[in-house]
């Protein structure tokens, strides 16, 4: 019974995500589009939570729905409120998205079923982490030992990307303010 409820919640979240994505692509109001991308990130965090990836859900909620939305709203203060209507519309982007989506779906056909206990990850890597990490790493918490040691370079890379993106946004916002101050002094 619980699987049926979780499956229904998955479908409802996915439907909401599709509706929000279509709405974002159709809106001309940049403010509304920014708010809806924050809603999309929040829905994604809910989906990650249902998939038992709470750490990814937390990051998505903090970065996607939180910081990104705030930075985009701050950026809107430096631009116009409405998107300018394009002169002509091309079907090439739609074609590229459909082909990419089809290739991504095709790529999932070889994946094991969700929750399959006979999947390769559950046969070699996960038992090794569970049995050996307290002795190899010396950290009693398995998740901490995986993130800090086994996947340390990966975690460092993710942190570096987020830090670099944040610095880039701050530099762009700072440059716009410096330009505004120079124009006012002239």
N, C-alpha and C. Protein backbone atom coordinates (compact mmCIF):
# COMPACT_ATOMS: atom_id res chain seq x y z
N UNK A 1 0.81 -1.20 0.00
CA UNK A 1 0.00 0.00 0.00
C UNK A 1 0.86 1.27 0.00
N UNK A 2 1.94 1.24 0.82
CA UNK A 2 2.81 2.41 0.90
C UNK A 2 3.50 2.68 -0.44
N UNK A 3 3.83 1.61 -1.18
CA UNK A 3 4.46 1.79 -2.49
C UNK A 3 3.52 2.48 -3.46
N UNK A 4 2.23 2.16 -3.36
CA UNK A 4 1.24 2.80 -4.23
C UNK A 4 1.14 4.29 -3.92
N UNK A 5 1.13 4.63 -2.65
CA UNK A 5 1.06 6.04 -2.26
C UNK A 5 2.29 6.79 -2.73
N UNK A 6 3.48 6.21 -2.51
CA UNK A 6 4.72 6.85 -2.94
C UNK A 6 4.74 6.98 -4.46
N UNK A 7 4.26 5.95 -5.16
CA UNK A 7 4.19 6.03 -6.63
C UNK A 7 3.27 7.13 -7.10
N UNK A 8 2.14 7.31 -6.41
CA UNK A 8 1.21 8.40 -6.76
C UNK A 8 1.84 9.76 -6.50
N UNK A 9 2.55 9.88 -5.39
CA UNK A 9 3.21 11.15 -5.07
C UNK A 9 4.29 11.44 -6.11
N UNK A 10 5.04 10.41 -6.53
CA UNK A 10 6.04 10.58 -7.59
C UNK A 10 5.41 11.12 -8.86
N UNK A 11 4.30 10.53 -9.25
CA UNK A 11 3.62 10.94 -10.49
C UNK A 11 3.11 12.38 -10.36
N UNK A 12 2.52 12.70 -9.21
CA UNK A 12 2.00 14.06 -9.00
C UNK A 12 3.14 15.07 -9.05
N UNK A 13 4.27 14.78 -8.38
CA UNK A 13 5.42 15.69 -8.43
C UNK A 13 5.95 15.85 -9.85
N UNK A 14 6.03 14.75 -10.57
CA UNK A 14 6.52 14.81 -11.94
C UNK A 14 5.58 15.64 -12.82
N UNK A 15 4.28 15.47 -12.66
CA UNK A 15 3.31 16.26 -13.43
C UNK A 15 3.45 17.74 -13.11
N UNK A 16 3.58 18.06 -11.80
CA UNK A 16 3.77 19.46 -11.42
C UNK A 16 5.06 20.02 -12.02
N UNK A 17 6.13 19.21 -12.02
CA UNK A 17 7.40 19.68 -12.59
C UNK A 17 7.26 19.97 -14.08
N UNK A 18 6.55 19.11 -14.79
CA UNK A 18 6.34 19.34 -16.23
C UNK A 18 5.51 20.60 -16.45
N UNK A 19 4.46 20.79 -15.66
CA UNK A 19 3.61 21.98 -15.80
C UNK A 19 4.42 23.24 -15.53
N UNK A 20 5.24 23.22 -14.47
CA UNK A 20 6.06 24.39 -14.14
C UNK A 20 7.09 24.64 -15.24
N UNK A 21 7.70 23.59 -15.78
CA UNK A 21 8.69 23.77 -16.84
C UNK A 21 8.05 24.38 -18.09
N UNK A 22 6.88 23.92 -18.45
CA UNK A 22 6.18 24.50 -19.61
C UNK A 22 5.80 25.95 -19.33
N UNK A 23 5.34 26.23 -18.12
CA UNK A 23 4.97 27.61 -17.77
C UNK A 23 6.18 28.53 -17.84
N UNK A 24 7.34 28.07 -17.35
CA UNK A 24 8.55 28.90 -17.41
C UNK A 24 8.93 29.21 -18.85
N UNK A 25 8.81 28.22 -19.71
CA UNK A 25 9.19 28.44 -21.11
C UNK A 25 8.22 29.36 -21.84
N UNK A 26 6.99 29.49 -21.36
CA UNK A 26 5.98 30.31 -22.03
C UNK A 26 5.88 31.73 -21.48
N UNK A 27 6.40 31.97 -20.29
CA UNK A 27 6.25 33.27 -19.65
C UNK A 27 7.13 34.33 -20.30
N UNK A 28 6.66 35.55 -20.31
CA UNK A 28 7.46 36.70 -20.76
C UNK A 28 7.92 37.53 -19.57
N UNK A 29 7.26 37.38 -18.44
CA UNK A 29 7.65 38.09 -17.23
C UNK A 29 8.85 37.37 -16.62
N UNK A 30 9.99 38.04 -16.57
CA UNK A 30 11.20 37.42 -16.05
C UNK A 30 11.08 37.15 -14.56
N UNK A 31 10.40 38.01 -13.83
CA UNK A 31 10.22 37.80 -12.39
C UNK A 31 9.42 36.52 -12.14
N UNK A 32 8.33 36.34 -12.86
CA UNK A 32 7.52 35.13 -12.70
C UNK A 32 8.32 33.89 -13.09
N UNK A 33 9.14 34.01 -14.13
CA UNK A 33 9.96 32.87 -14.55
C UNK A 33 10.97 32.50 -13.46
N UNK A 34 11.57 33.49 -12.82
CA UNK A 34 12.53 33.22 -11.74
C UNK A 34 11.83 32.54 -10.58
N UNK A 35 10.66 33.03 -10.20
CA UNK A 35 9.93 32.42 -9.09
C UNK A 35 9.55 30.98 -9.43
N UNK A 36 9.10 30.74 -10.65
CA UNK A 36 8.73 29.38 -11.04
C UNK A 36 9.94 28.44 -11.13
N UNK A 37 11.12 28.96 -11.48
CA UNK A 37 12.30 28.09 -11.45
C UNK A 37 12.64 27.71 -10.01
N UNK A 38 12.40 28.62 -9.07
CA UNK A 38 12.56 28.28 -7.66
C UNK A 38 11.58 27.21 -7.23
N UNK A 39 10.34 27.31 -7.71
CA UNK A 39 9.33 26.29 -7.41
C UNK A 39 9.74 24.95 -8.02
N UNK A 40 10.28 24.99 -9.24
CA UNK A 40 10.75 23.76 -9.89
C UNK A 40 11.85 23.11 -9.06
N UNK A 41 12.78 23.91 -8.55
CA UNK A 41 13.85 23.37 -7.72
C UNK A 41 13.30 22.77 -6.43
N UNK A 42 12.30 23.41 -5.86
CA UNK A 42 11.69 22.88 -4.65
C UNK A 42 10.98 21.54 -4.93
N UNK A 43 10.29 21.46 -6.07
CA UNK A 43 9.67 20.19 -6.46
C UNK A 43 10.73 19.12 -6.71
N UNK A 44 11.86 19.51 -7.29
CA UNK A 44 12.96 18.57 -7.51
C UNK A 44 13.50 18.06 -6.18
N UNK A 45 13.61 18.96 -5.21
CA UNK A 45 14.07 18.53 -3.88
C UNK A 45 13.11 17.52 -3.27
N UNK A 46 11.82 17.73 -3.47
CA UNK A 46 10.84 16.76 -2.99
C UNK A 46 11.00 15.42 -3.68
N UNK A 47 11.25 15.46 -4.99
CA UNK A 47 11.45 14.21 -5.73
C UNK A 47 12.70 13.48 -5.25
N UNK A 48 13.80 14.22 -5.01
CA UNK A 48 15.02 13.60 -4.49
C UNK A 48 14.79 12.98 -3.11
N UNK A 49 13.95 13.62 -2.30
CA UNK A 49 13.65 13.08 -0.98
C UNK A 49 12.90 11.76 -1.12
N UNK A 50 11.96 11.70 -2.04
CA UNK A 50 11.23 10.44 -2.25
C UNK A 50 12.15 9.34 -2.78
N UNK A 51 13.21 9.73 -3.47
CA UNK A 51 14.16 8.75 -4.00
C UNK A 51 15.25 8.39 -2.98
N UNK A 52 15.05 8.83 -1.73
CA UNK A 52 16.00 8.57 -0.63
C UNK A 52 17.37 9.19 -0.86
N UNK A 53 17.41 10.30 -1.55
CA UNK A 53 18.65 11.05 -1.74
C UNK A 53 18.51 12.37 -1.00
N UNK A 54 18.44 12.27 0.33
CA UNK A 54 18.14 13.45 1.14
C UNK A 54 19.27 14.47 1.06
N UNK A 55 20.52 14.02 0.94
CA UNK A 55 21.63 14.97 0.83
C UNK A 55 21.53 15.77 -0.46
N UNK A 56 21.16 15.12 -1.54
CA UNK A 56 20.98 15.82 -2.81
C UNK A 56 19.76 16.75 -2.73
N UNK A 57 18.70 16.30 -2.06
CA UNK A 57 17.51 17.14 -1.89
C UNK A 57 17.83 18.40 -1.10
N UNK A 58 18.63 18.25 -0.05
CA UNK A 58 19.02 19.40 0.76
C UNK A 58 19.82 20.40 -0.07
N UNK A 59 20.76 19.89 -0.86
CA UNK A 59 21.57 20.77 -1.72
C UNK A 59 20.70 21.46 -2.76
N UNK A 60 19.78 20.73 -3.36
CA UNK A 60 18.88 21.31 -4.36
C UNK A 60 18.01 22.40 -3.75
N UNK A 61 17.49 22.16 -2.55
CA UNK A 61 16.65 23.15 -1.89
C UNK A 61 17.47 24.39 -1.53
N UNK A 62 18.67 24.18 -1.02
CA UNK A 62 19.49 25.33 -0.60
C UNK A 62 20.01 26.12 -1.78
N UNK A 63 20.57 25.42 -2.76
CA UNK A 63 21.19 26.11 -3.90
C UNK A 63 20.16 26.47 -4.96
N UNK A 64 19.34 25.50 -5.38
CA UNK A 64 18.39 25.74 -6.46
C UNK A 64 17.25 26.64 -6.08
N UNK A 65 16.55 26.28 -4.99
CA UNK A 65 15.38 27.08 -4.60
C UNK A 65 15.76 28.28 -3.77
N UNK A 66 16.90 28.24 -3.10
CA UNK A 66 17.28 29.32 -2.22
C UNK A 66 18.19 30.34 -2.87
N UNK A 67 19.48 30.03 -2.91
CA UNK A 67 20.48 30.99 -3.35
C UNK A 67 20.28 31.41 -4.80
N UNK A 68 20.01 30.46 -5.68
CA UNK A 68 19.84 30.81 -7.10
C UNK A 68 18.66 31.75 -7.31
N UNK A 69 17.57 31.51 -6.60
CA UNK A 69 16.41 32.38 -6.74
C UNK A 69 16.72 33.79 -6.25
N UNK A 70 17.40 33.89 -5.13
CA UNK A 70 17.77 35.20 -4.59
C UNK A 70 18.71 35.93 -5.55
N UNK A 71 19.71 35.22 -6.08
CA UNK A 71 20.64 35.85 -7.02
C UNK A 71 19.95 36.28 -8.31
N UNK A 72 19.03 35.46 -8.79
CA UNK A 72 18.32 35.84 -10.02
C UNK A 72 17.41 37.05 -9.79
N UNK A 73 16.78 37.12 -8.63
CA UNK A 73 15.95 38.30 -8.33
C UNK A 73 16.84 39.53 -8.23
N UNK A 74 18.01 39.39 -7.61
CA UNK A 74 18.95 40.52 -7.54
C UNK A 74 19.41 40.93 -8.93
N UNK A 75 19.62 39.96 -9.81
CA UNK A 75 20.02 40.26 -11.18
C UNK A 75 18.91 40.98 -11.93
N UNK A 76 17.66 40.64 -11.64
CA UNK A 76 16.53 41.30 -12.30
C UNK A 76 16.49 42.79 -11.99
N UNK A 77 17.03 43.19 -10.85
CA UNK A 77 17.05 44.62 -10.54
C UNK A 77 17.98 45.39 -11.48
N UNK A 78 18.84 44.67 -12.19
CA UNK A 78 19.77 45.30 -13.13
C UNK A 78 19.31 45.20 -14.58
N UNK A 79 18.17 44.55 -14.81
CA UNK A 79 17.70 44.35 -16.18
C UNK A 79 16.25 44.81 -16.31
N UNK A 80 15.69 44.50 -17.46
CA UNK A 80 14.29 44.82 -17.71
C UNK A 80 13.40 43.74 -17.11
N UNK A 81 12.13 44.02 -16.93
CA UNK A 81 11.21 43.08 -16.29
C UNK A 81 10.60 42.08 -17.27
N UNK A 82 10.49 42.46 -18.52
CA UNK A 82 9.83 41.60 -19.51
C UNK A 82 10.83 41.16 -20.56
N UNK A 83 10.68 39.91 -20.99
CA UNK A 83 11.51 39.40 -22.07
C UNK A 83 11.03 40.01 -23.38
N UNK A 84 11.97 40.38 -24.23
CA UNK A 84 11.59 40.91 -25.53
C UNK A 84 11.17 39.76 -26.43
N UNK A 85 10.10 39.98 -27.17
CA UNK A 85 9.56 38.94 -28.04
C UNK A 85 10.51 38.72 -29.20
N UNK A 86 10.92 37.45 -29.44
CA UNK A 86 11.82 37.19 -30.56
C UNK A 86 11.12 37.46 -31.90
N UNK A 87 11.92 37.83 -32.89
CA UNK A 87 11.38 38.15 -34.21
C UNK A 87 10.85 36.90 -34.89
N UNK A 88 11.60 35.82 -34.85
CA UNK A 88 11.15 34.60 -35.48
C UNK A 88 11.39 33.43 -34.54
N UNK A 89 10.61 32.41 -34.70
CA UNK A 89 10.75 31.21 -33.87
C UNK A 89 11.29 30.08 -34.73
N UNK A 90 12.19 29.34 -34.16
CA UNK A 90 12.79 28.22 -34.86
C UNK A 90 12.39 26.92 -34.17
N UNK A 91 12.20 25.89 -34.95
CA UNK A 91 11.88 24.58 -34.41
C UNK A 91 13.13 23.77 -34.07
N UNK A 92 14.32 24.29 -34.41
CA UNK A 92 15.56 23.58 -34.13
C UNK A 92 15.74 23.32 -32.63
N UNK A 93 15.53 24.29 -31.72
CA UNK A 93 15.68 23.99 -30.29
C UNK A 93 14.74 22.89 -29.81
N UNK A 94 13.51 22.90 -30.28
CA UNK A 94 12.55 21.86 -29.90
C UNK A 94 13.04 20.50 -30.39
N UNK A 95 13.54 20.45 -31.61
CA UNK A 95 14.07 19.21 -32.18
C UNK A 95 15.25 18.70 -31.36
N UNK A 96 16.17 19.60 -30.99
CA UNK A 96 17.34 19.21 -30.20
C UNK A 96 16.92 18.68 -28.83
N UNK A 97 15.95 19.33 -28.19
CA UNK A 97 15.47 18.88 -26.88
C UNK A 97 14.81 17.51 -26.99
N UNK A 98 13.99 17.31 -28.00
CA UNK A 98 13.33 16.02 -28.17
C UNK A 98 14.33 14.89 -28.43
N UNK A 99 15.32 15.14 -29.26
CA UNK A 99 16.34 14.13 -29.54
C UNK A 99 17.15 13.83 -28.28
N UNK A 100 17.55 14.88 -27.56
CA UNK A 100 18.31 14.67 -26.32
C UNK A 100 17.48 13.91 -25.30
N UNK A 101 16.22 14.26 -25.15
CA UNK A 101 15.35 13.55 -24.22
C UNK A 101 15.18 12.09 -24.61
N UNK A 102 15.02 11.83 -25.89
CA UNK A 102 14.88 10.44 -26.35
C UNK A 102 16.15 9.65 -26.08
N UNK A 103 17.31 10.26 -26.29
CA UNK A 103 18.57 9.58 -26.01
C UNK A 103 18.74 9.31 -24.52
N UNK A 104 18.32 10.25 -23.68
CA UNK A 104 18.41 10.03 -22.23
C UNK A 104 17.48 8.91 -21.78
N UNK A 105 16.28 8.87 -22.33
CA UNK A 105 15.36 7.79 -21.99
C UNK A 105 15.92 6.45 -22.49
N UNK A 106 16.46 6.44 -23.69
CA UNK A 106 17.06 5.22 -24.23
C UNK A 106 18.21 4.75 -23.34
N UNK A 107 18.97 5.68 -22.80
CA UNK A 107 20.09 5.33 -21.92
C UNK A 107 19.67 4.68 -20.62
N UNK A 108 18.42 4.84 -20.23
CA UNK A 108 17.95 4.25 -18.98
C UNK A 108 17.47 2.81 -19.14
N UNK A 109 17.37 2.31 -20.35
CA UNK A 109 16.85 0.96 -20.54
C UNK A 109 17.74 -0.12 -19.94
N UNK A 110 19.06 0.12 -19.86
CA UNK A 110 19.98 -0.86 -19.31
C UNK A 110 20.12 -0.76 -17.79
N UNK A 111 19.51 0.23 -17.20
CA UNK A 111 19.64 0.41 -15.75
C UNK A 111 18.83 -0.64 -15.01
N UNK A 112 19.30 -1.04 -13.82
CA UNK A 112 18.49 -1.96 -13.01
C UNK A 112 17.25 -1.25 -12.49
N UNK A 113 16.24 -2.01 -12.14
CA UNK A 113 15.02 -1.43 -11.58
C UNK A 113 15.33 -0.72 -10.27
N UNK A 114 14.57 0.34 -9.98
CA UNK A 114 14.77 1.09 -8.75
C UNK A 114 14.55 0.18 -7.55
N UNK A 115 15.51 0.15 -6.64
CA UNK A 115 15.40 -0.67 -5.44
C UNK A 115 15.79 -2.13 -5.63
N UNK A 116 16.33 -2.49 -6.79
CA UNK A 116 16.70 -3.87 -7.07
C UNK A 116 17.89 -4.27 -6.20
N UNK A 117 17.70 -5.25 -5.34
CA UNK A 117 18.78 -5.66 -4.42
C UNK A 117 19.87 -6.45 -5.13
N UNK A 118 19.63 -6.88 -6.36
CA UNK A 118 20.66 -7.61 -7.10
C UNK A 118 21.44 -6.70 -8.04
N UNK A 119 21.23 -5.39 -7.96
CA UNK A 119 21.97 -4.46 -8.81
C UNK A 119 23.45 -4.50 -8.45
N UNK A 120 24.29 -4.17 -9.41
CA UNK A 120 25.74 -4.26 -9.23
C UNK A 120 26.23 -3.43 -8.05
N UNK A 121 25.65 -2.26 -7.82
CA UNK A 121 26.10 -1.40 -6.73
C UNK A 121 25.92 -2.08 -5.38
N UNK A 122 24.91 -2.93 -5.24
CA UNK A 122 24.65 -3.59 -3.97
C UNK A 122 25.46 -4.87 -3.79
N UNK A 123 26.16 -5.29 -4.82
CA UNK A 123 26.91 -6.54 -4.74
C UNK A 123 28.37 -6.33 -4.36
N UNK A 124 28.95 -5.17 -4.68
CA UNK A 124 30.38 -4.99 -4.43
C UNK A 124 30.68 -3.74 -3.61
N UNK A 125 30.29 -2.60 -4.11
CA UNK A 125 30.72 -1.34 -3.50
C UNK A 125 30.03 -1.07 -2.17
N UNK A 126 28.72 -1.16 -2.11
CA UNK A 126 27.99 -0.84 -0.88
C UNK A 126 28.40 -1.76 0.28
N UNK A 127 28.49 -3.08 0.10
CA UNK A 127 28.93 -3.92 1.22
C UNK A 127 30.34 -3.57 1.69
N UNK A 128 31.21 -3.22 0.74
CA UNK A 128 32.57 -2.84 1.12
C UNK A 128 32.55 -1.59 2.00
N UNK A 129 31.79 -0.59 1.60
CA UNK A 129 31.69 0.64 2.39
C UNK A 129 31.12 0.34 3.78
N UNK A 130 30.08 -0.46 3.84
CA UNK A 130 29.42 -0.74 5.12
C UNK A 130 30.34 -1.52 6.05
N UNK A 131 31.05 -2.51 5.52
CA UNK A 131 31.87 -3.38 6.37
C UNK A 131 33.25 -2.80 6.68
N UNK A 132 33.85 -2.11 5.71
CA UNK A 132 35.25 -1.72 5.85
C UNK A 132 35.49 -0.27 6.24
N UNK A 133 34.53 0.62 6.03
CA UNK A 133 34.83 2.03 6.26
C UNK A 133 35.19 2.38 7.71
N UNK A 134 34.58 1.78 8.73
CA UNK A 134 35.01 2.15 10.09
C UNK A 134 36.49 1.81 10.35
N UNK A 135 36.97 0.69 9.81
CA UNK A 135 38.37 0.31 10.03
C UNK A 135 39.30 1.08 9.09
N UNK A 136 38.93 1.24 7.82
CA UNK A 136 39.81 1.90 6.86
C UNK A 136 39.94 3.40 7.13
N UNK A 137 38.83 4.05 7.47
CA UNK A 137 38.81 5.50 7.59
C UNK A 137 38.90 5.94 9.04
N UNK A 138 38.30 5.18 9.94
CA UNK A 138 38.30 5.54 11.35
C UNK A 138 37.16 6.48 11.72
N UNK A 139 36.20 6.63 10.83
CA UNK A 139 35.03 7.47 11.10
C UNK A 139 33.83 6.54 11.27
N UNK A 140 33.14 6.62 12.42
CA UNK A 140 32.04 5.67 12.64
C UNK A 140 30.82 5.91 11.75
N UNK A 141 30.60 7.12 11.27
CA UNK A 141 29.46 7.41 10.41
C UNK A 141 29.82 7.05 8.97
N UNK A 142 29.08 6.13 8.37
CA UNK A 142 29.40 5.64 7.03
C UNK A 142 29.25 6.74 5.98
N UNK A 143 28.19 7.54 6.08
CA UNK A 143 27.97 8.59 5.08
C UNK A 143 29.11 9.60 5.12
N UNK A 144 29.53 9.99 6.31
CA UNK A 144 30.64 10.94 6.45
C UNK A 144 31.92 10.35 5.90
N UNK A 145 32.16 9.08 6.17
CA UNK A 145 33.40 8.47 5.65
C UNK A 145 33.39 8.39 4.13
N UNK A 146 32.24 8.15 3.54
CA UNK A 146 32.16 8.08 2.08
C UNK A 146 32.39 9.47 1.47
N UNK A 147 31.69 10.48 2.01
CA UNK A 147 31.80 11.83 1.43
C UNK A 147 33.16 12.45 1.70
N UNK A 148 33.74 12.21 2.88
CA UNK A 148 34.99 12.87 3.24
C UNK A 148 36.22 12.13 2.73
N UNK A 149 36.12 10.83 2.54
CA UNK A 149 37.32 10.09 2.17
C UNK A 149 37.19 9.43 0.79
N UNK A 150 36.29 8.46 0.66
CA UNK A 150 36.18 7.74 -0.59
C UNK A 150 35.85 8.68 -1.76
N UNK A 151 34.94 9.62 -1.50
CA UNK A 151 34.53 10.57 -2.55
C UNK A 151 35.05 11.97 -2.25
N UNK A 152 36.16 12.06 -1.58
CA UNK A 152 36.71 13.35 -1.16
C UNK A 152 37.00 14.28 -2.33
N UNK A 153 37.62 13.75 -3.37
CA UNK A 153 37.93 14.59 -4.53
C UNK A 153 36.66 15.05 -5.24
N UNK A 154 35.67 14.17 -5.30
CA UNK A 154 34.40 14.53 -5.91
C UNK A 154 33.73 15.64 -5.11
N UNK A 155 33.70 15.50 -3.79
CA UNK A 155 33.11 16.52 -2.94
C UNK A 155 33.88 17.83 -3.05
N UNK A 156 35.21 17.75 -3.09
CA UNK A 156 36.03 18.95 -3.27
C UNK A 156 35.73 19.61 -4.61
N UNK A 157 35.56 18.81 -5.65
CA UNK A 157 35.24 19.36 -6.97
C UNK A 157 33.89 20.06 -6.98
N UNK A 158 32.89 19.44 -6.35
CA UNK A 158 31.57 20.07 -6.27
C UNK A 158 31.63 21.39 -5.51
N UNK A 159 32.35 21.39 -4.40
CA UNK A 159 32.49 22.61 -3.61
C UNK A 159 33.21 23.69 -4.41
N UNK A 160 34.23 23.31 -5.16
CA UNK A 160 34.97 24.27 -5.98
C UNK A 160 34.07 24.87 -7.05
N UNK A 161 33.24 24.05 -7.69
CA UNK A 161 32.33 24.55 -8.72
C UNK A 161 31.34 25.55 -8.13
N UNK A 162 30.75 25.21 -7.00
CA UNK A 162 29.77 26.11 -6.37
C UNK A 162 30.45 27.40 -5.93
N UNK A 163 31.65 27.30 -5.35
CA UNK A 163 32.37 28.49 -4.91
C UNK A 163 32.72 29.38 -6.11
N UNK A 164 33.22 28.77 -7.19
CA UNK A 164 33.57 29.54 -8.38
C UNK A 164 32.35 30.21 -8.99
N UNK A 165 31.23 29.52 -9.04
CA UNK A 165 30.00 30.12 -9.57
C UNK A 165 29.57 31.31 -8.70
N UNK A 166 29.65 31.15 -7.39
CA UNK A 166 29.28 32.25 -6.48
C UNK A 166 30.18 33.45 -6.66
N UNK A 167 31.48 33.24 -6.76
CA UNK A 167 32.43 34.35 -6.98
C UNK A 167 32.15 35.03 -8.33
N UNK A 168 31.86 34.23 -9.36
CA UNK A 168 31.55 34.80 -10.67
C UNK A 168 30.33 35.69 -10.63
N UNK A 169 29.28 35.24 -9.94
CA UNK A 169 28.06 36.05 -9.83
C UNK A 169 28.35 37.33 -9.06
N UNK A 170 29.10 37.23 -7.97
CA UNK A 170 29.44 38.43 -7.20
C UNK A 170 30.26 39.41 -8.03
N UNK A 171 31.19 38.90 -8.82
CA UNK A 171 31.99 39.78 -9.68
C UNK A 171 31.12 40.46 -10.74
N UNK A 172 30.19 39.71 -11.32
CA UNK A 172 29.30 40.31 -12.31
C UNK A 172 28.41 41.38 -11.69
N UNK A 173 27.87 41.09 -10.52
CA UNK A 173 27.02 42.09 -9.85
C UNK A 173 27.84 43.30 -9.44
N UNK A 174 29.07 43.06 -8.98
CA UNK A 174 29.94 44.17 -8.59
C UNK A 174 30.33 45.03 -9.77
N UNK A 175 30.58 44.41 -10.91
CA UNK A 175 30.96 45.17 -12.11
C UNK A 175 29.81 46.07 -12.56
N UNK A 176 28.58 45.58 -12.50
CA UNK A 176 27.43 46.39 -12.90
C UNK A 176 27.28 47.58 -11.97
N UNK A 177 27.50 47.41 -10.68
CA UNK A 177 27.38 48.52 -9.74
C UNK A 177 28.49 49.53 -9.94
N UNK A 178 29.71 49.07 -10.24
CA UNK A 178 30.82 50.00 -10.50
C UNK A 178 30.51 50.82 -11.73
N UNK A 179 29.98 50.18 -12.79
CA UNK A 179 29.60 50.91 -14.00
C UNK A 179 28.52 51.94 -13.72
N UNK A 180 27.54 51.60 -12.85
CA UNK A 180 26.49 52.56 -12.49
C UNK A 180 27.07 53.74 -11.75
N UNK A 181 28.02 53.51 -10.84
CA UNK A 181 28.63 54.59 -10.07
C UNK A 181 29.46 55.50 -10.96
N UNK A 182 30.15 54.97 -11.96
CA UNK A 182 30.93 55.79 -12.87
C UNK A 182 30.05 56.65 -13.73
N UNK A 183 28.91 56.13 -14.17
CA UNK A 183 27.98 56.92 -14.98
C UNK A 183 27.38 58.06 -14.16
N UNK A 184 27.10 57.83 -12.88
CA UNK A 184 26.52 58.87 -12.03
C UNK A 184 27.52 59.98 -11.78
N UNK A 185 28.83 59.66 -11.68
CA UNK A 185 29.83 60.68 -11.38
C UNK A 185 30.12 61.57 -12.59
N UNK A 186 29.81 61.10 -13.77
CA UNK A 186 30.10 61.88 -14.98
C UNK A 186 29.02 62.85 -15.25
